């Protein structure tokens, strides 16, 4: 799944290299790859483009994932994905 958005919290509350950005579903970490993380996209917002590997998508139920960030002691959870 491709995730792309602008956000003011990512401008200030994330490690400058995005290492503390992580995604989870049902308590399990998801493989992901940051395509672009530009913390200085504008004076008030950062830009994030990331690929997130979703193990299963239902045709009848919503699929909810959670994005985590703001842990300045966290190492990268990023994994290069084979597309």
N, C-alpha and C. Protein backbone atom coordinates (compact mmCIF):
# COMPACT_ATOMS: atom_id res chain seq x y z
N UNK A 1 0.84 -1.14 0.00
CA UNK A 1 0.00 0.00 0.00
C UNK A 1 0.90 1.23 0.00
N UNK A 2 0.55 2.20 -0.80
CA UNK A 2 1.30 3.45 -0.83
C UNK A 2 0.61 4.46 0.08
N UNK A 3 1.38 5.04 0.98
CA UNK A 3 0.87 6.08 1.87
C UNK A 3 1.60 7.36 1.52
N UNK A 4 0.83 8.43 1.30
CA UNK A 4 1.42 9.70 0.93
C UNK A 4 0.62 10.82 1.56
N UNK A 5 1.29 11.67 2.35
CA UNK A 5 0.58 12.80 2.94
C UNK A 5 1.55 13.85 3.47
N UNK A 6 0.99 15.02 3.76
CA UNK A 6 1.69 16.11 4.41
C UNK A 6 1.17 16.21 5.83
N UNK A 7 2.07 16.51 6.80
CA UNK A 7 1.62 16.55 8.19
C UNK A 7 2.50 17.49 8.99
N UNK A 8 1.89 18.30 9.84
CA UNK A 8 2.66 19.25 10.66
C UNK A 8 3.40 18.55 11.80
N UNK A 9 2.83 17.47 12.37
CA UNK A 9 3.51 16.77 13.46
C UNK A 9 4.81 16.13 12.99
N UNK A 10 4.84 15.65 11.76
CA UNK A 10 6.07 15.04 11.23
C UNK A 10 7.16 16.08 10.99
N UNK A 11 6.79 17.33 10.95
CA UNK A 11 7.75 18.42 10.76
C UNK A 11 8.69 18.55 11.97
N UNK A 12 8.14 18.30 13.16
CA UNK A 12 8.90 18.56 14.39
C UNK A 12 9.08 17.35 15.30
N UNK A 13 8.18 16.38 15.25
CA UNK A 13 8.15 15.31 16.26
C UNK A 13 8.72 13.98 15.77
N UNK A 14 9.63 14.02 14.80
CA UNK A 14 10.18 12.80 14.20
C UNK A 14 11.70 12.98 14.05
N UNK A 15 12.43 11.88 14.15
CA UNK A 15 13.86 11.94 13.87
C UNK A 15 14.05 12.49 12.45
N UNK A 16 15.09 13.25 12.25
CA UNK A 16 15.29 13.91 10.95
C UNK A 16 15.43 12.92 9.79
N UNK A 17 15.87 11.68 10.06
CA UNK A 17 15.98 10.68 9.00
C UNK A 17 14.76 9.77 8.92
N UNK A 18 13.77 9.99 9.79
CA UNK A 18 12.54 9.20 9.76
C UNK A 18 12.69 7.79 10.32
N UNK A 19 13.81 7.52 10.99
CA UNK A 19 14.02 6.16 11.52
C UNK A 19 12.95 5.72 12.53
N UNK A 20 12.33 6.66 13.19
CA UNK A 20 11.34 6.29 14.20
C UNK A 20 9.92 6.17 13.63
N UNK A 21 9.77 6.26 12.33
CA UNK A 21 8.47 6.03 11.70
C UNK A 21 8.30 4.53 11.51
N UNK A 22 7.20 4.00 12.02
CA UNK A 22 6.93 2.56 11.92
C UNK A 22 5.43 2.36 11.78
N UNK A 23 5.05 1.22 11.24
CA UNK A 23 3.65 0.90 11.00
C UNK A 23 3.34 -0.46 11.62
N UNK A 24 2.12 -0.60 12.15
CA UNK A 24 1.71 -1.86 12.76
C UNK A 24 0.24 -2.13 12.44
N UNK A 25 -0.10 -3.42 12.49
CA UNK A 25 -1.48 -3.86 12.31
C UNK A 25 -1.72 -5.01 13.28
N UNK A 26 -2.76 -4.90 14.07
CA UNK A 26 -3.09 -5.94 15.06
C UNK A 26 -1.90 -6.30 15.95
N UNK A 27 -1.13 -5.29 16.35
CA UNK A 27 -0.01 -5.51 17.25
C UNK A 27 1.26 -6.05 16.61
N UNK A 28 1.27 -6.20 15.30
CA UNK A 28 2.44 -6.73 14.59
C UNK A 28 3.07 -5.64 13.74
N UNK A 29 4.39 -5.51 13.83
CA UNK A 29 5.09 -4.54 13.00
C UNK A 29 4.94 -4.94 11.53
N UNK A 30 4.77 -3.95 10.68
CA UNK A 30 4.66 -4.19 9.24
C UNK A 30 5.94 -3.75 8.55
N UNK A 31 6.36 -4.54 7.57
CA UNK A 31 7.49 -4.13 6.74
C UNK A 31 7.10 -2.87 5.98
N UNK A 32 8.05 -1.96 5.88
CA UNK A 32 7.77 -0.73 5.14
C UNK A 32 9.07 -0.18 4.57
N UNK A 33 8.89 0.71 3.63
CA UNK A 33 10.03 1.37 3.00
C UNK A 33 9.66 2.83 2.79
N UNK A 34 10.47 3.74 3.32
CA UNK A 34 10.24 5.16 3.09
C UNK A 34 10.73 5.51 1.69
N UNK A 35 9.82 5.93 0.87
CA UNK A 35 10.16 6.37 -0.49
C UNK A 35 10.71 7.79 -0.43
N UNK A 36 10.06 8.61 0.43
CA UNK A 36 10.47 10.00 0.59
C UNK A 36 10.05 10.47 1.98
N UNK A 37 10.98 11.06 2.71
CA UNK A 37 10.64 11.75 3.94
C UNK A 37 11.35 13.08 3.90
N UNK A 38 10.58 14.15 3.73
CA UNK A 38 11.12 15.51 3.63
C UNK A 38 10.57 16.31 4.80
N UNK A 39 11.37 16.39 5.86
CA UNK A 39 10.92 17.07 7.07
C UNK A 39 10.79 18.57 6.87
N UNK A 40 11.44 19.11 5.87
CA UNK A 40 11.40 20.55 5.62
C UNK A 40 10.63 20.86 4.34
N UNK A 41 9.61 20.07 4.03
CA UNK A 41 8.82 20.27 2.82
C UNK A 41 8.30 21.70 2.73
N UNK A 42 7.78 22.20 3.84
CA UNK A 42 7.34 23.60 3.89
C UNK A 42 7.68 24.14 5.27
N UNK A 43 7.35 25.36 5.52
CA UNK A 43 7.63 25.95 6.82
C UNK A 43 6.83 25.34 7.95
N UNK A 44 5.76 24.61 7.61
CA UNK A 44 4.89 24.06 8.65
C UNK A 44 4.61 22.57 8.52
N UNK A 45 4.99 21.96 7.39
CA UNK A 45 4.64 20.55 7.18
C UNK A 45 5.81 19.75 6.63
N UNK A 46 5.79 18.45 6.96
CA UNK A 46 6.72 17.49 6.37
C UNK A 46 5.94 16.65 5.36
N UNK A 47 6.66 16.03 4.44
CA UNK A 47 6.05 15.15 3.45
C UNK A 47 6.54 13.73 3.66
N UNK A 48 5.60 12.79 3.66
CA UNK A 48 5.94 11.38 3.80
C UNK A 48 5.32 10.59 2.65
N UNK A 49 6.14 9.79 2.01
CA UNK A 49 5.67 8.81 1.03
C UNK A 49 6.32 7.50 1.43
N UNK A 50 5.48 6.49 1.72
CA UNK A 50 6.00 5.21 2.21
C UNK A 50 5.20 4.07 1.62
N UNK A 51 5.90 2.97 1.33
CA UNK A 51 5.26 1.72 0.96
C UNK A 51 5.14 0.88 2.22
N UNK A 52 3.96 0.34 2.48
CA UNK A 52 3.73 -0.50 3.64
C UNK A 52 3.18 -1.83 3.15
N UNK A 53 3.82 -2.92 3.56
CA UNK A 53 3.39 -4.25 3.14
C UNK A 53 2.27 -4.73 4.07
N UNK A 54 1.07 -4.82 3.52
CA UNK A 54 -0.10 -5.28 4.26
C UNK A 54 -0.27 -6.77 3.97
N UNK A 55 -0.23 -7.62 5.00
CA UNK A 55 -0.26 -9.07 4.76
C UNK A 55 -1.59 -9.58 4.22
N UNK A 56 -2.69 -8.89 4.52
CA UNK A 56 -3.99 -9.37 4.08
C UNK A 56 -4.95 -8.20 4.01
N UNK A 57 -5.67 -8.09 2.90
CA UNK A 57 -6.73 -7.09 2.75
C UNK A 57 -8.04 -7.81 2.57
N UNK A 58 -9.00 -7.48 3.41
CA UNK A 58 -10.32 -8.08 3.33
C UNK A 58 -11.15 -7.36 2.28
N UNK A 59 -12.05 -8.09 1.68
CA UNK A 59 -12.98 -7.46 0.72
C UNK A 59 -14.25 -6.98 1.41
N UNK A 60 -14.42 -7.34 2.70
CA UNK A 60 -15.65 -6.95 3.40
C UNK A 60 -15.40 -6.15 4.68
N UNK A 61 -14.19 -6.19 5.24
CA UNK A 61 -13.89 -5.49 6.48
C UNK A 61 -12.84 -4.41 6.23
N UNK A 62 -12.92 -3.34 7.02
CA UNK A 62 -11.89 -2.30 6.95
C UNK A 62 -10.56 -2.86 7.43
N UNK A 63 -9.49 -2.40 6.81
CA UNK A 63 -8.14 -2.75 7.25
C UNK A 63 -7.55 -1.51 7.90
N UNK A 64 -7.25 -1.61 9.20
CA UNK A 64 -6.71 -0.48 9.94
C UNK A 64 -5.24 -0.74 10.28
N UNK A 65 -4.41 0.25 9.98
CA UNK A 65 -3.01 0.19 10.38
C UNK A 65 -2.72 1.42 11.23
N UNK A 66 -1.70 1.32 12.05
CA UNK A 66 -1.31 2.43 12.92
C UNK A 66 0.10 2.85 12.56
N UNK A 67 0.32 4.16 12.49
CA UNK A 67 1.65 4.69 12.25
C UNK A 67 2.19 5.22 13.57
N UNK A 68 3.42 4.84 13.90
CA UNK A 68 4.08 5.30 15.11
C UNK A 68 5.25 6.21 14.72
N UNK A 69 5.50 7.21 15.55
CA UNK A 69 6.64 8.10 15.37
C UNK A 69 6.85 8.87 16.67
N UNK A 70 7.97 9.58 16.76
CA UNK A 70 8.23 10.41 17.91
C UNK A 70 9.06 9.75 19.00
N UNK A 71 9.64 8.60 18.73
CA UNK A 71 10.50 7.91 19.69
C UNK A 71 11.94 8.18 19.26
N UNK A 72 12.57 9.14 19.91
CA UNK A 72 13.88 9.60 19.45
C UNK A 72 15.02 8.63 19.77
N UNK A 73 14.74 7.55 20.51
CA UNK A 73 15.77 6.55 20.76
C UNK A 73 15.57 5.29 19.91
N UNK A 74 14.53 5.27 19.09
CA UNK A 74 14.22 4.09 18.27
C UNK A 74 15.12 4.02 17.05
N UNK A 75 15.59 2.82 16.74
CA UNK A 75 16.34 2.59 15.51
C UNK A 75 15.38 2.30 14.37
N UNK A 76 15.88 2.30 13.18
CA UNK A 76 15.05 2.11 12.00
C UNK A 76 14.40 0.72 11.99
N UNK A 77 13.11 0.67 11.67
CA UNK A 77 12.38 -0.57 11.46
C UNK A 77 12.14 -0.77 9.96
N UNK A 78 12.72 0.09 9.15
CA UNK A 78 12.49 0.06 7.71
C UNK A 78 13.14 -1.17 7.08
N UNK A 79 12.44 -1.77 6.14
CA UNK A 79 12.97 -2.90 5.39
C UNK A 79 12.68 -2.63 3.92
N UNK A 80 13.72 -2.76 3.09
CA UNK A 80 13.54 -2.56 1.66
C UNK A 80 12.60 -3.65 1.14
N UNK A 81 11.55 -3.24 0.47
CA UNK A 81 10.52 -4.18 0.01
C UNK A 81 10.77 -4.60 -1.44
N UNK A 82 10.52 -5.83 -1.72
CA UNK A 82 10.51 -6.32 -3.11
C UNK A 82 9.14 -6.06 -3.67
N UNK A 83 9.06 -5.33 -4.73
CA UNK A 83 7.76 -4.99 -5.32
C UNK A 83 7.53 -5.86 -6.55
